[in-house]
Amino acid sequence: MKRMLATVLALALSASAVFAHEFTLGNLEIHHPASKATLPGQPVGGGFLTITNKGSEADRLVSITAPTVSDDVQLHEMAIENDIMKMRQLPDGIEIPAGATVELKSGAQHVMFMSIKQPFKEGESFKATLTFEKAGTIDVDFKIEAAKPGAKQGDAASGNHEGHGG
């Protein structure tokens, strides 16, 4: 019985390692870059990840490129202003404070892959290069996950941003 429990536990841990993926650049740890599957004809896709700065100085994510999926990748923020949700591009990038973790997620700061070249399909992945002000550049893989159940075009929670303005 103990042997079977150990085997099940080992399999569970190895399965979780397959789904979690991390990258390290100096004092920065990039956790689970991911996007959501998109609908055919959807013009944009969202990107999500978590960045932990284990250093004593702030850094800044200044740009992301992903030429296989989009020639225009932008850093964005969603915020409520006067009871209206607005999305805006962050041309100066996203600060990663010293000793802090910043989560790029739906409904907050996130990545936008504009004018995507083909739909994002669940189970696939694509390469992207993250550029930081101090740490430099790192290549990562964005894994494409299932769209949010019941998601439809224009649903920001699924990474779908039809009619998205800058």
Protein backbone atom coordinates (compact mmCIF):
# COMPACT_ATOMS: atom_id res chain seq x y z
CA MET A 1 0.00 0.00 0.00
CA LYS A 2 2.81 2.43 0.89
CA ARG A 3 4.55 1.64 -2.39
CA MET A 4 1.36 2.34 -4.37
CA LEU A 5 0.85 5.63 -2.50
CA ALA A 6 4.45 6.64 -3.25
CA THR A 7 3.94 5.82 -6.94
CA VAL A 8 0.71 7.84 -7.13
CA LEU A 9 2.38 10.77 -5.38
CA ALA A 10 5.38 10.64 -7.75
CA LEU A 11 3.08 10.59 -10.79
CA ALA A 12 1.07 13.53 -9.45
CA LEU A 13 4.22 15.56 -8.84
CA SER A 14 5.64 14.80 -12.28
CA ALA A 15 2.30 15.73 -13.90
CA SER A 16 2.26 19.08 -12.12
CA ALA A 17 5.82 19.73 -13.34
CA VAL A 18 4.57 19.27 -16.92
CA PHE A 19 1.91 21.95 -16.48
CA ALA A 20 4.01 24.45 -14.52
CA HIS A 21 6.89 26.03 -16.40
CA GLU A 22 9.35 28.56 -15.11
CA PHE A 23 12.23 30.58 -16.50
CA THR A 24 14.99 32.45 -14.64
CA LEU A 25 16.92 35.54 -15.73
CA GLY A 26 19.28 36.88 -13.07
CA ASN A 27 17.12 37.77 -10.05
CA LEU A 28 13.88 37.43 -12.02
CA GLU A 29 11.72 34.32 -12.06
CA ILE A 30 9.08 34.10 -14.80
CA HIS A 31 6.28 31.68 -13.93
CA HIS A 32 3.84 30.00 -16.31
CA PRO A 33 3.62 32.24 -19.40
CA ALA A 34 0.28 31.33 -20.94
CA SER A 35 -2.44 32.47 -23.30
CA LYS A 36 -5.99 31.31 -23.91
CA ALA A 37 -7.33 29.63 -27.00
CA THR A 38 -8.97 32.11 -29.37
CA LEU A 39 -11.95 31.92 -31.69
CA PRO A 40 -11.50 31.83 -35.47
CA GLY A 41 -11.28 35.39 -36.77
CA GLN A 42 -10.52 36.84 -33.35
CA PRO A 43 -7.96 39.62 -33.96
CA VAL A 44 -6.12 39.59 -30.62
CA GLY A 45 -5.04 37.28 -27.83
CA GLY A 46 -4.07 37.89 -24.23
CA GLY A 47 -0.91 36.80 -22.45
CA PHE A 48 -0.53 36.07 -18.77
CA LEU A 49 2.43 35.29 -16.49
CA THR A 50 3.87 36.00 -13.07
CA ILE A 51 7.26 37.64 -12.50
CA THR A 52 9.06 37.50 -9.15
CA ASN A 53 12.00 39.82 -8.50
CA LYS A 54 14.27 38.24 -5.89
CA GLY A 55 16.79 41.08 -6.21
CA SER A 56 17.37 44.26 -4.23
CA GLU A 57 16.67 46.58 -7.18
CA ALA A 58 13.49 47.12 -9.17
CA ASP A 59 13.48 46.10 -12.83
CA ARG A 60 11.00 46.77 -15.61
CA LEU A 61 9.48 44.55 -18.30
CA VAL A 62 9.82 46.91 -21.26
CA SER A 63 8.72 44.77 -24.21
CA ILE A 64 7.74 41.36 -25.52
CA THR A 65 8.14 40.06 -29.05
CA ALA A 66 6.54 36.95 -30.55
CA PRO A 67 7.01 37.17 -34.33
CA THR A 68 5.50 33.76 -35.07
CA VAL A 69 2.10 34.86 -33.71
CA SER A 70 2.05 38.69 -33.86
CA ASP A 71 4.13 41.56 -35.21
CA ASP A 72 2.66 43.88 -32.55
CA VAL A 73 2.86 42.74 -28.92
CA GLN A 74 1.86 45.31 -26.30
CA LEU A 75 1.82 45.56 -22.53
CA HIS A 76 -1.62 46.69 -21.29
CA GLU A 77 -3.54 47.53 -18.16
CA MET A 78 -7.25 47.39 -17.42
CA ALA A 79 -8.54 49.84 -14.85
CA ILE A 80 -11.88 51.28 -13.79
CA GLU A 81 -12.10 55.04 -14.29
CA ASN A 82 -15.38 56.81 -13.45
CA ASP A 83 -17.17 53.44 -13.27
CA ILE A 84 -15.99 52.54 -16.78
CA MET A 85 -13.51 49.76 -17.47
CA LYS A 86 -10.77 51.06 -19.74
CA MET A 87 -7.82 49.36 -21.28
CA ARG A 88 -4.65 51.23 -22.12
CA GLN A 89 -1.23 50.44 -23.46
CA LEU A 90 1.70 50.83 -21.05
CA PRO A 91 4.41 52.31 -23.30
CA ASP A 92 6.89 52.51 -20.40
CA GLY A 93 6.42 48.84 -19.53
CA ILE A 94 5.63 47.25 -16.19
CA GLU A 95 7.73 47.76 -13.07
CA ILE A 96 8.79 44.68 -11.13
CA PRO A 97 9.66 46.07 -7.65
CA ALA A 98 12.54 44.58 -5.67
CA GLY A 99 11.42 41.63 -3.56
CA ALA A 100 7.95 41.64 -5.15
CA THR A 101 5.82 39.47 -7.40
CA VAL A 102 3.81 41.00 -10.25
CA GLU A 103 1.03 38.98 -11.84
CA LEU A 104 -0.01 39.78 -15.40
CA LYS A 105 -3.59 38.50 -15.57
CA SER A 106 -6.96 39.11 -17.16
CA GLY A 107 -8.65 42.26 -15.85
CA ALA A 108 -5.36 43.86 -14.77
CA GLN A 109 -1.91 44.24 -16.32
CA HIS A 110 -1.44 41.76 -19.17
CA VAL A 111 0.12 41.15 -22.58
CA MET A 112 -1.81 41.79 -25.80
CA PHE A 113 -0.89 39.97 -29.00
CA MET A 114 -2.40 42.30 -31.60
CA SER A 115 -3.46 41.21 -35.12
CA ILE A 116 -2.63 37.57 -34.44
CA LYS A 117 -1.51 35.61 -37.48
CA GLN A 118 -3.60 32.50 -36.69
CA PRO A 119 -5.97 31.40 -33.93
CA PHE A 120 -4.38 30.24 -30.67
CA LYS A 121 -5.20 26.54 -30.29
CA GLU A 122 -5.41 24.80 -26.92
CA GLY A 123 -2.44 22.50 -26.28
CA GLU A 124 -0.06 24.40 -28.57
CA SER A 125 2.62 26.86 -27.51
CA PHE A 126 4.66 29.67 -29.02
CA LYS A 127 7.98 31.34 -28.32
CA ALA A 128 8.27 34.90 -27.08
CA THR A 129 11.17 37.09 -26.00
CA LEU A 130 10.78 39.19 -22.85
CA THR A 131 13.02 42.24 -22.54
CA PHE A 132 13.75 43.75 -19.14
CA GLU A 133 15.37 47.13 -18.55
CA LYS A 134 18.19 45.74 -16.35
CA ALA A 135 18.16 41.95 -16.57
CA GLY A 136 18.16 41.82 -20.38
CA THR A 137 16.25 39.35 -22.55
CA ILE A 138 14.97 35.83 -22.14
CA ASP A 139 13.11 33.45 -24.46
CA VAL A 140 10.04 31.78 -22.96
CA ASP A 141 7.26 29.50 -24.15
CA PHE A 142 3.66 30.67 -23.86
CA LYS A 143 1.42 27.63 -23.44
CA ILE A 144 -2.06 27.94 -24.91
CA GLU A 145 -4.71 26.83 -22.46
CA ALA A 146 -8.44 26.28 -22.83
CA ALA A 147 -10.60 29.35 -23.20
CA LYS A 148 -12.73 30.12 -20.17
CA PRO A 149 -15.88 27.93 -20.27
CA GLY A 150 -18.71 29.81 -21.93
CA ALA A 151 -16.32 32.46 -23.28
CA LYS A 152 -17.40 34.32 -26.37
CA GLN A 153 -15.80 36.88 -28.60
CA GLY A 154 -15.37 40.13 -26.71
CA ASP A 155 -15.09 38.44 -23.29
CA ALA A 156 -12.03 39.98 -21.60
CA ALA A 157 -11.85 37.19 -19.00
CA SER A 158 -11.00 34.69 -21.75
CA GLY A 159 -8.29 36.88 -23.19
CA ASN A 160 -10.63 37.95 -25.97
CA HIS A 161 -10.55 41.70 -26.58
CA GLU A 162 -12.55 42.38 -29.73
CA GLY A 163 -12.73 46.08 -30.48
CA HIS A 164 -9.85 46.62 -28.10
CA GLY A 165 -8.61 50.18 -28.09
CA GLY A 166 -5.14 51.38 -27.11
